[in-house]
Amino acid sequence: MSMNVNPLGDYIVAEPEEAPRKTASGLYLPEKSAEKPKVAKVLAVGPGAKQVKVGDRILYKSYSPTEVKVDNKEYLLVKEEDVLATLK
């Protein structure tokens, strides 16, 4: 994948995962009521990031990322300090 965003410092470029559209009991959720995902896949890391690497799935604080749109694709810019955990 060719990406035109290179993070600086301890910033991370991530792609948010899509929120589930259906509940465990089989009910479909309208798009407006679906909670925004707080899990994303790391696509690039700045030179100051020490604990997160490309390919990790991260759990981040809800209100911390900056949402950007580049070439009709949405990305998140998250500071490493706002990453709560990596997921396996």
PDB file of N, CA and C in Angstrom:
ATOM      1  N   MET A   1       0.839  -1.167   0.000  1.00  0.00           N
ATOM      2  CA  MET A   1       0.000   0.000   0.000  1.00  0.00           C
ATOM      3  C   MET A   1       0.888   1.235   0.000  1.00  0.00           C
ATOM      4  N   SER A   2       0.621   2.165  -0.861  1.00  0.00           N
ATOM      5  CA  SER A   2       1.352   3.413  -0.904  1.00  0.00           C
ATOM      6  C   SER A   2       0.581   4.448  -0.112  1.00  0.00           C
ATOM      7  N   MET A   3       1.271   5.063   0.844  1.00  0.00           N
ATOM      8  CA  MET A   3       0.603   6.029   1.700  1.00  0.00           C
ATOM      9  C   MET A   3       1.355   7.353   1.631  1.00  0.00           C
ATOM     10  N   ASN A   4       0.629   8.462   1.578  1.00  0.00           N
ATOM     11  CA  ASN A   4       1.236   9.776   1.454  1.00  0.00           C
ATOM     12  C   ASN A   4       1.323  10.499   2.786  1.00  0.00           C
ATOM     13  N   VAL A   5       1.223   9.792   3.900  1.00  0.00           N
ATOM     14  CA  VAL A   5       1.277  10.414   5.211  1.00  0.00           C
ATOM     15  C   VAL A   5       2.456   9.822   5.970  1.00  0.00           C
ATOM     16  N   ASN A   6       3.406  10.667   6.346  1.00  0.00           N
ATOM     17  CA  ASN A   6       4.557  10.236   7.134  1.00  0.00           C
ATOM     18  C   ASN A   6       4.499  10.931   8.485  1.00  0.00           C
ATOM     19  N   PRO A   7       4.246  10.202   9.560  1.00  0.00           N
ATOM     20  CA  PRO A   7       4.110  10.828  10.872  1.00  0.00           C
ATOM     21  C   PRO A   7       5.450  11.343  11.403  1.00  0.00           C
ATOM     22  N   LEU A   8       5.383  12.415  12.168  1.00  0.00           N
ATOM     23  CA  LEU A   8       6.559  13.004  12.797  1.00  0.00           C
ATOM     24  C   LEU A   8       6.521  12.733  14.296  1.00  0.00           C
ATOM     25  N   GLY A   9       7.658  12.805  14.942  1.00  0.00           N
ATOM     26  CA  GLY A   9       7.730  12.639  16.394  1.00  0.00           C
ATOM     27  C   GLY A   9       7.191  11.298  16.825  1.00  0.00           C
ATOM     28  N   ASP A  10       6.315  11.326  17.830  1.00  0.00           N
ATOM     29  CA  ASP A  10       5.744  10.072  18.340  1.00  0.00           C
ATOM     30  C   ASP A  10       4.317   9.842  17.846  1.00  0.00           C
ATOM     31  N   TYR A  11       3.992  10.442  16.690  1.00  0.00           N
ATOM     32  CA  TYR A  11       2.660  10.238  16.128  1.00  0.00           C
ATOM     33  C   TYR A  11       2.578   8.911  15.385  1.00  0.00           C
ATOM     34  N   ILE A  12       1.366   8.376  15.336  1.00  0.00           N
ATOM     35  CA  ILE A  12       1.078   7.104  14.686  1.00  0.00           C
ATOM     36  C   ILE A  12      -0.028   7.340  13.666  1.00  0.00           C
ATOM     37  N   VAL A  13       0.120   6.790  12.474  1.00  0.00           N
ATOM     38  CA  VAL A  13      -0.951   6.830  11.476  1.00  0.00           C
ATOM     39  C   VAL A  13      -1.644   5.473  11.540  1.00  0.00           C
ATOM     40  N   ALA A  14      -2.958   5.510  11.737  1.00  0.00           N
ATOM     41  CA  ALA A  14      -3.711   4.267  11.881  1.00  0.00           C
ATOM     42  C   ALA A  14      -4.991   4.329  11.061  1.00  0.00           C
ATOM     43  N   GLU A  15      -5.491   3.147  10.737  1.00  0.00           N
ATOM     44  CA  GLU A  15      -6.748   3.024   9.999  1.00  0.00           C
ATOM     45  C   GLU A  15      -7.792   2.460  10.964  1.00  0.00           C
ATOM     46  N   PRO A  16      -8.877   3.210  11.227  1.00  0.00           N
ATOM     47  CA  PRO A  16      -9.872   2.725  12.183  1.00  0.00           C
ATOM     48  C   PRO A  16     -10.596   1.490  11.667  1.00  0.00           C
ATOM     49  N   GLU A  17     -10.895   0.582  12.590  1.00  0.00           N
ATOM     50  CA  GLU A  17     -11.674  -0.599  12.230  1.00  0.00           C
ATOM     51  C   GLU A  17     -13.148  -0.215  12.210  1.00  0.00           C
ATOM     52  N   GLU A  18     -13.889  -0.856  11.352  1.00  0.00           N
ATOM     53  CA  GLU A  18     -15.306  -0.562  11.199  1.00  0.00           C
ATOM     54  C   GLU A  18     -16.096  -1.087  12.397  1.00  0.00           C
ATOM     55  N   ALA A  19     -17.035  -0.286  12.886  1.00  0.00           N
ATOM     56  CA  ALA A  19     -17.886  -0.699  14.009  1.00  0.00           C
ATOM     57  C   ALA A  19     -18.842  -1.797  13.552  1.00  0.00           C
ATOM     58  N   PRO A  20     -19.154  -2.726  14.444  1.00  0.00           N
ATOM     59  CA  PRO A  20     -20.101  -3.782  14.071  1.00  0.00           C
ATOM     60  C   PRO A  20     -21.468  -3.199  13.708  1.00  0.00           C
ATOM     61  N   ARG A  21     -22.095  -3.761  12.702  1.00  0.00           N
ATOM     62  CA  ARG A  21     -23.405  -3.294  12.242  1.00  0.00           C
ATOM     63  C   ARG A  21     -24.544  -4.134  12.824  1.00  0.00           C
ATOM     64  N   LYS A  22     -24.185  -5.223  13.507  1.00  0.00           N
ATOM     65  CA  LYS A  22     -25.193  -6.139  14.020  1.00  0.00           C
ATOM     66  C   LYS A  22     -24.831  -6.515  15.455  1.00  0.00           C
ATOM     67  N   THR A  23     -25.842  -6.591  16.323  1.00  0.00           N
ATOM     68  CA  THR A  23     -25.610  -6.979  17.706  1.00  0.00           C
ATOM     69  C   THR A  23     -25.445  -8.491  17.808  1.00  0.00           C
ATOM     70  N   ALA A  24     -25.030  -8.958  18.974  1.00  0.00           N
ATOM     71  CA  ALA A  24     -24.846 -10.396  19.191  1.00  0.00           C
ATOM     72  C   ALA A  24     -26.165 -11.154  19.039  1.00  0.00           C
ATOM     73  N   SER A  25     -27.282 -10.476  19.326  1.00  0.00           N
ATOM     74  CA  SER A  25     -28.582 -11.137  19.211  1.00  0.00           C
ATOM     75  C   SER A  25     -29.159 -11.073  17.796  1.00  0.00           C
ATOM     76  N   GLY A  26     -28.441 -10.420  16.864  1.00  0.00           N
ATOM     77  CA  GLY A  26     -28.868 -10.411  15.471  1.00  0.00           C
ATOM     78  C   GLY A  26     -29.590  -9.149  15.024  1.00  0.00           C
ATOM     79  N   LEU A  27     -29.706  -8.147  15.890  1.00  0.00           N
ATOM     80  CA  LEU A  27     -30.359  -6.892  15.500  1.00  0.00           C
ATOM     81  C   LEU A  27     -29.382  -6.008  14.731  1.00  0.00           C
ATOM     82  N   TYR A  28     -29.857  -5.389  13.658  1.00  0.00           N
ATOM     83  CA  TYR A  28     -29.022  -4.491  12.880  1.00  0.00           C
ATOM     84  C   TYR A  28     -29.100  -3.091  13.471  1.00  0.00           C
ATOM     85  N   LEU A  29     -27.935  -2.429  13.580  1.00  0.00           N
ATOM     86  CA  LEU A  29     -27.859  -1.092  14.148  1.00  0.00           C
ATOM     87  C   LEU A  29     -27.867  -0.046  13.045  1.00  0.00           C
ATOM     88  N   PRO A  30     -28.641   1.036  13.235  1.00  0.00           N
ATOM     89  CA  PRO A  30     -28.571   2.128  12.261  1.00  0.00           C
ATOM     90  C   PRO A  30     -27.195   2.785  12.348  1.00  0.00           C
ATOM     91  N   GLU A  31     -26.741   3.337  11.248  1.00  0.00           N
ATOM     92  CA  GLU A  31     -25.389   3.889  11.186  1.00  0.00           C
ATOM     93  C   GLU A  31     -25.143   4.978  12.230  1.00  0.00           C
ATOM     94  N   LYS A  32     -26.140   5.814  12.484  1.00  0.00           N
ATOM     95  CA  LYS A  32     -25.972   6.910  13.438  1.00  0.00           C
ATOM     96  C   LYS A  32     -25.811   6.421  14.875  1.00  0.00           C
ATOM     97  N   SER A  33     -26.412   5.310  15.220  1.00  0.00           N
ATOM     98  CA  SER A  33     -26.343   4.845  16.600  1.00  0.00           C
ATOM     99  C   SER A  33     -25.122   3.976  16.868  1.00  0.00           C
ATOM    100  N   ALA A  34     -24.429   3.566  15.815  1.00  0.00           N
ATOM    101  CA  ALA A  34     -23.242   2.725  16.007  1.00  0.00           C
ATOM    102  C   ALA A  34     -22.143   3.554  16.659  1.00  0.00           C
ATOM    103  N   GLU A  35     -21.553   3.002  17.700  1.00  0.00           N
ATOM    104  CA  GLU A  35     -20.485   3.689  18.403  1.00  0.00           C
ATOM    105  C   GLU A  35     -19.233   3.700  17.541  1.00  0.00           C
ATOM    106  N   LYS A  36     -18.502   4.813  17.582  1.00  0.00           N
ATOM    107  CA  LYS A  36     -17.275   4.896  16.813  1.00  0.00           C
ATOM    108  C   LYS A  36     -16.266   3.889  17.365  1.00  0.00           C
ATOM    109  N   PRO A  37     -15.539   3.234  16.497  1.00  0.00           N
ATOM    110  CA  PRO A  37     -14.555   2.257  16.977  1.00  0.00           C
ATOM    111  C   PRO A  37     -13.398   2.952  17.668  1.00  0.00           C
ATOM    112  N   LYS A  38     -12.824   2.275  18.629  1.00  0.00           N
ATOM    113  CA  LYS A  38     -11.669   2.790  19.333  1.00  0.00           C
ATOM    114  C   LYS A  38     -10.482   1.861  19.116  1.00  0.00           C
ATOM    115  N   VAL A  39     -10.595   1.035  18.080  1.00  0.00           N
ATOM    116  CA  VAL A  39      -9.539   0.110  17.704  1.00  0.00           C
ATOM    117  C   VAL A  39      -9.118   0.451  16.286  1.00  0.00           C
ATOM    118  N   ALA A  40      -7.805   0.434  16.046  1.00  0.00           N
ATOM    119  CA  ALA A  40      -7.301   0.771  14.717  1.00  0.00           C
ATOM    120  C   ALA A  40      -6.056  -0.048  14.422  1.00  0.00           C
ATOM    121  N   LYS A  41      -5.743  -0.179  13.130  1.00  0.00           N
ATOM    122  CA  LYS A  41      -4.540  -0.883  12.695  1.00  0.00           C
ATOM    123  C   LYS A  41      -3.475   0.157  12.365  1.00  0.00           C
ATOM    124  N   VAL A  42      -2.276  -0.027  12.889  1.00  0.00           N
ATOM    125  CA  VAL A  42      -1.177   0.907  12.689  1.00  0.00           C
ATOM    126  C   VAL A  42      -0.593   0.729  11.289  1.00  0.00           C
ATOM    127  N   LEU A  43      -0.524   1.835  10.537  1.00  0.00           N
ATOM    128  CA  LEU A  43       0.014   1.817   9.181  1.00  0.00           C
ATOM    129  C   LEU A  43       1.413   2.416   9.107  1.00  0.00           C
ATOM    130  N   ALA A  44       1.710   3.371  10.003  1.00  0.00           N
ATOM    131  CA  ALA A  44       3.027   4.010  10.015  1.00  0.00           C
ATOM    132  C   ALA A  44       3.268   4.601  11.394  1.00  0.00           C
ATOM    133  N   VAL A  45       4.530   4.673  11.798  1.00  0.00           N
ATOM    134  CA  VAL A  45       4.886   5.273  13.092  1.00  0.00           C
ATOM    135  C   VAL A  45       5.992   6.290  12.880  1.00  0.00           C
ATOM    136  N   GLY A  46       5.964   7.340  13.683  1.00  0.00           N
ATOM    137  CA  GLY A  46       7.007   8.349  13.629  1.00  0.00           C
ATOM    138  C   GLY A  46       8.275   7.847  14.308  1.00  0.00           C
ATOM    139  N   PRO A  47       9.379   8.548  14.113  1.00  0.00           N
ATOM    140  CA  PRO A  47      10.657   8.108  14.670  1.00  0.00           C
ATOM    141  C   PRO A  47      10.707   8.130  16.202  1.00  0.00           C
ATOM    142  N   GLY A  48       9.820   8.869  16.833  1.00  0.00           N
ATOM    143  CA  GLY A  48       9.814   8.949  18.295  1.00  0.00           C
ATOM    144  C   GLY A  48       8.974   7.879  18.971  1.00  0.00           C
ATOM    145  N   ALA A  49       8.209   7.111  18.216  1.00  0.00           N
ATOM    146  CA  ALA A  49       7.367   6.062  18.798  1.00  0.00           C
ATOM    147  C   ALA A  49       8.246   4.888  19.209  1.00  0.00           C
ATOM    148  N   LYS A  50       8.105   4.446  20.464  1.00  0.00           N
ATOM    149  CA  LYS A  50       8.989   3.408  20.985  1.00  0.00           C
ATOM    150  C   LYS A  50       8.317   2.054  21.194  1.00  0.00           C
ATOM    151  N   GLN A  51       7.008   2.040  21.494  1.00  0.00           N
ATOM    152  CA  GLN A  51       6.355   0.790  21.861  1.00  0.00           C
ATOM    153  C   GLN A  51       5.377   0.259  20.825  1.00  0.00           C
ATOM    154  N   VAL A  52       5.032   1.054  19.852  1.00  0.00           N
ATOM    155  CA  VAL A  52       4.053   0.649  18.834  1.00  0.00           C
ATOM    156  C   VAL A  52       4.780   0.480  17.511  1.00  0.00           C
ATOM    157  N   LYS A  53       4.410  -0.569  16.770  1.00  0.00           N
ATOM    158  CA  LYS A  53       5.051  -0.798  15.479  1.00  0.00           C
ATOM    159  C   LYS A  53       3.989  -1.002  14.396  1.00  0.00           C
ATOM    160  N   VAL A  54       4.404  -0.887  13.156  1.00  0.00           N
ATOM    161  CA  VAL A  54       3.507  -1.072  12.014  1.00  0.00           C
ATOM    162  C   VAL A  54       2.911  -2.476  12.069  1.00  0.00           C
ATOM    163  N   GLY A  55       1.610  -2.560  11.852  1.00  0.00           N
ATOM    164  CA  GLY A  55       0.911  -3.842  11.863  1.00  0.00           C
ATOM    165  C   GLY A  55       0.192  -4.124  13.172  1.00  0.00           C
ATOM    166  N   ASP A  56       0.538  -3.412  14.248  1.00  0.00           N
ATOM    167  CA  ASP A  56      -0.153  -3.601  15.527  1.00  0.00           C
ATOM    168  C   ASP A  56      -1.601  -3.138  15.429  1.00  0.00           C
ATOM    169  N   ARG A  57      -2.457  -3.738  16.231  1.00  0.00           N
ATOM    170  CA  ARG A  57      -3.818  -3.230  16.428  1.00  0.00           C
ATOM    171  C   ARG A  57      -3.796  -2.524  17.769  1.00  0.00           C
ATOM    172  N   ILE A  58      -4.289  -1.297  17.802  1.00  0.00           N
ATOM    173  CA  ILE A  58      -4.223  -0.496  19.024  1.00  0.00           C
ATOM    174  C   ILE A  58      -5.601  -0.115  19.536  1.00  0.00           C
ATOM    175  N   LEU A  59      -5.679   0.088  20.829  1.00  0.00           N
ATOM    176  CA  LEU A  59      -6.854   0.625  21.502  1.00  0.00           C
ATOM    177  C   LEU A  59      -6.456   2.031  21.929  1.00  0.00           C
ATOM    178  N   TYR A  60      -7.214   3.048  21.507  1.00  0.00           N
ATOM    179  CA  TYR A  60      -6.814   4.430  21.772  1.00  0.00           C
ATOM    180  C   TYR A  60      -7.922   5.191  22.485  1.00  0.00           C
ATOM    181  N   LYS A  61      -7.553   6.323  23.085  1.00  0.00           N
ATOM    182  CA  LYS A  61      -8.523   7.189  23.763  1.00  0.00           C
ATOM    183  C   LYS A  61      -9.489   7.749  22.721  1.00  0.00           C
ATOM    184  N   SER A  62     -10.768   7.815  23.080  1.00  0.00           N
ATOM    185  CA  SER A  62     -11.812   8.212  22.126  1.00  0.00           C
ATOM    186  C   SER A  62     -11.651   9.602  21.533  1.00  0.00           C
ATOM    187  N   TYR A  63     -11.265  10.562  22.335  1.00  0.00           N
ATOM    188  CA  TYR A  63     -11.283  11.947  21.861  1.00  0.00           C
ATOM    189  C   TYR A  63      -9.906  12.470  21.492  1.00  0.00           C
ATOM    190  N   SER A  64      -8.903  11.619  21.478  1.00  0.00           N
ATOM    191  CA  SER A  64      -7.543  12.095  21.231  1.00  0.00           C
ATOM    192  C   SER A  64      -7.111  12.138  19.768  1.00  0.00           C
ATOM    193  N   PRO A  65      -7.571  11.241  18.889  1.00  0.00           N
ATOM    194  CA  PRO A  65      -6.994  11.247  17.543  1.00  0.00           C
ATOM    195  C   PRO A  65      -7.484  12.403  16.677  1.00  0.00           C
ATOM    196  N   THR A  66      -6.656  12.727  15.711  1.00  0.00           N
ATOM    197  CA  THR A  66      -7.017  13.700  14.686  1.00  0.00           C
ATOM    198  C   THR A  66      -7.397  12.904  13.451  1.00  0.00           C
ATOM    199  N   GLU A  67      -8.592  13.152  12.934  1.00  0.00           N
ATOM    200  CA  GLU A  67      -9.052  12.436  11.742  1.00  0.00           C
ATOM    201  C   GLU A  67      -8.641  13.226  10.513  1.00  0.00           C
ATOM    202  N   VAL A  68      -8.005  12.545   9.556  1.00  0.00           N
ATOM    203  CA  VAL A  68      -7.599  13.184   8.302  1.00  0.00           C
ATOM    204  C   VAL A  68      -8.064  12.330   7.137  1.00  0.00           C
ATOM    205  N   LYS A  69      -8.291  12.988   6.015  1.00  0.00           N
ATOM    206  CA  LYS A  69      -8.694  12.277   4.806  1.00  0.00           C
ATOM    207  C   LYS A  69      -7.670  12.601   3.727  1.00  0.00           C
ATOM    208  N   VAL A  70      -7.009  11.555   3.219  1.00  0.00           N
ATOM    209  CA  VAL A  70      -5.993  11.705   2.184  1.00  0.00           C
ATOM    210  C   VAL A  70      -6.350  10.747   1.052  1.00  0.00           C
ATOM    211  N   ASP A  71      -6.453  11.273  -0.145  1.00  0.00           N
ATOM    212  CA  ASP A  71      -6.806  10.463  -1.324  1.00  0.00           C
ATOM    213  C   ASP A  71      -8.078   9.651  -1.089  1.00  0.00           C
ATOM    214  N   ASN A  72      -9.107  10.292  -0.526  1.00  0.00           N
ATOM    215  CA  ASN A  72     -10.410   9.680  -0.241  1.00  0.00           C
ATOM    216  C   ASN A  72     -10.338   8.503   0.725  1.00  0.00           C
ATOM    217  N   LYS A  73      -9.331   8.456   1.548  1.00  0.00           N
ATOM    218  CA  LYS A  73      -9.169   7.405   2.557  1.00  0.00           C
ATOM    219  C   LYS A  73      -9.021   8.088   3.910  1.00  0.00           C
ATOM    220  N   GLU A  74      -9.740   7.568   4.914  1.00  0.00           N
ATOM    221  CA  GLU A  74      -9.688   8.181   6.242  1.00  0.00           C
ATOM    222  C   GLU A  74      -8.627   7.526   7.111  1.00  0.00           C
ATOM    223  N   TYR A  75      -7.840   8.370   7.786  1.00  0.00           N
ATOM    224  CA  TYR A  75      -6.795   7.915   8.683  1.00  0.00           C
ATOM    225  C   TYR A  75      -6.935   8.630  10.022  1.00  0.00           C
ATOM    226  N   LEU A  76      -6.292   8.072  11.022  1.00  0.00           N
ATOM    227  CA  LEU A  76      -6.211   8.704  12.330  1.00  0.00           C
ATOM    228  C   LEU A  76      -4.756   9.028  12.623  1.00  0.00           C
ATOM    229  N   LEU A  77      -4.520  10.190  13.197  1.00  0.00           N
ATOM    230  CA  LEU A  77      -3.210  10.530  13.721  1.00  0.00           C
ATOM    231  C   LEU A  77      -3.338  10.513  15.238  1.00  0.00           C
ATOM    232  N   VAL A  78      -2.588   9.622  15.880  1.00  0.00           N
ATOM    233  CA  VAL A  78      -2.692   9.420  17.326  1.00  0.00           C
ATOM    234  C   VAL A  78      -1.306   9.576  17.931  1.00  0.00           C
ATOM    235  N   LYS A  79      -1.209  10.321  19.033  1.00  0.00           N
ATOM    236  CA  LYS A  79       0.063  10.380  19.753  1.00  0.00           C
ATOM    237  C   LYS A  79       0.262   9.059  20.485  1.00  0.00           C
ATOM    238  N   GLU A  80       1.499   8.609  20.571  1.00  0.00           N
ATOM    239  CA  GLU A  80       1.760   7.321  21.228  1.00  0.00           C
ATOM    240  C   GLU A  80       1.272   7.319  22.672  1.00  0.00           C
ATOM    241  N   GLU A  81       1.331   8.439  23.351  1.00  0.00           N
ATOM    242  CA  GLU A  81       0.882   8.502  24.750  1.00  0.00           C
ATOM    243  C   GLU A  81      -0.635   8.293  24.880  1.00  0.00           C
ATOM    244  N   ASP A  82      -1.381   8.460  23.783  1.00  0.00           N
ATOM    245  CA  ASP A  82      -2.826   8.263  23.801  1.00  0.00           C
ATOM    246  C   ASP A  82      -3.239   6.840  23.437  1.00  0.00           C
ATOM    247  N   VAL A  83      -2.259   5.992  23.164  1.00  0.00           N
ATOM    248  CA  VAL A  83      -2.533   4.582  22.907  1.00  0.00           C
ATOM    249  C   VAL A  83      -2.611   3.885  24.264  1.00  0.00           C
ATOM    250  N   LEU A  84      -3.742   3.227  24.511  1.00  0.00           N
ATOM    251  CA  LEU A  84      -3.959   2.558  25.801  1.00  0.00           C
ATOM    252  C   LEU A  84      -3.382   1.150  25.832  1.00  0.00           C
ATOM    253  N   ALA A  85      -3.439   0.440  24.690  1.00  0.00           N
ATOM    254  CA  ALA A  85      -2.964  -0.940  24.654  1.00  0.00           C
ATOM    255  C   ALA A  85      -2.818  -1.394  23.213  1.00  0.00           C
ATOM    256  N   THR A  86      -2.042  -2.468  23.040  1.00  0.00           N
ATOM    257  CA  THR A  86      -2.003  -3.141  21.751  1.00  0.00           C
ATOM    258  C   THR A  86      -2.811  -4.429  21.912  1.00  0.00           C
ATOM    259  N   LEU A  87      -3.477  -4.838  20.853  1.00  0.00           N
ATOM    260  CA  LEU A  87      -4.343  -6.019  20.894  1.00  0.00           C
ATOM    261  C   LEU A  87      -3.707  -7.143  20.102  1.00  0.00           C
ATOM    262  N   LYS A  88      -3.943  -8.354  20.539  1.00  0.00           N
ATOM    263  CA  LYS A  88      -3.394  -9.532  19.849  1.00  0.00           C
ATOM    264  C   LYS A  88      -4.459 -10.201  19.025  1.00  0.00           C
TER     265      LYS A  88
END
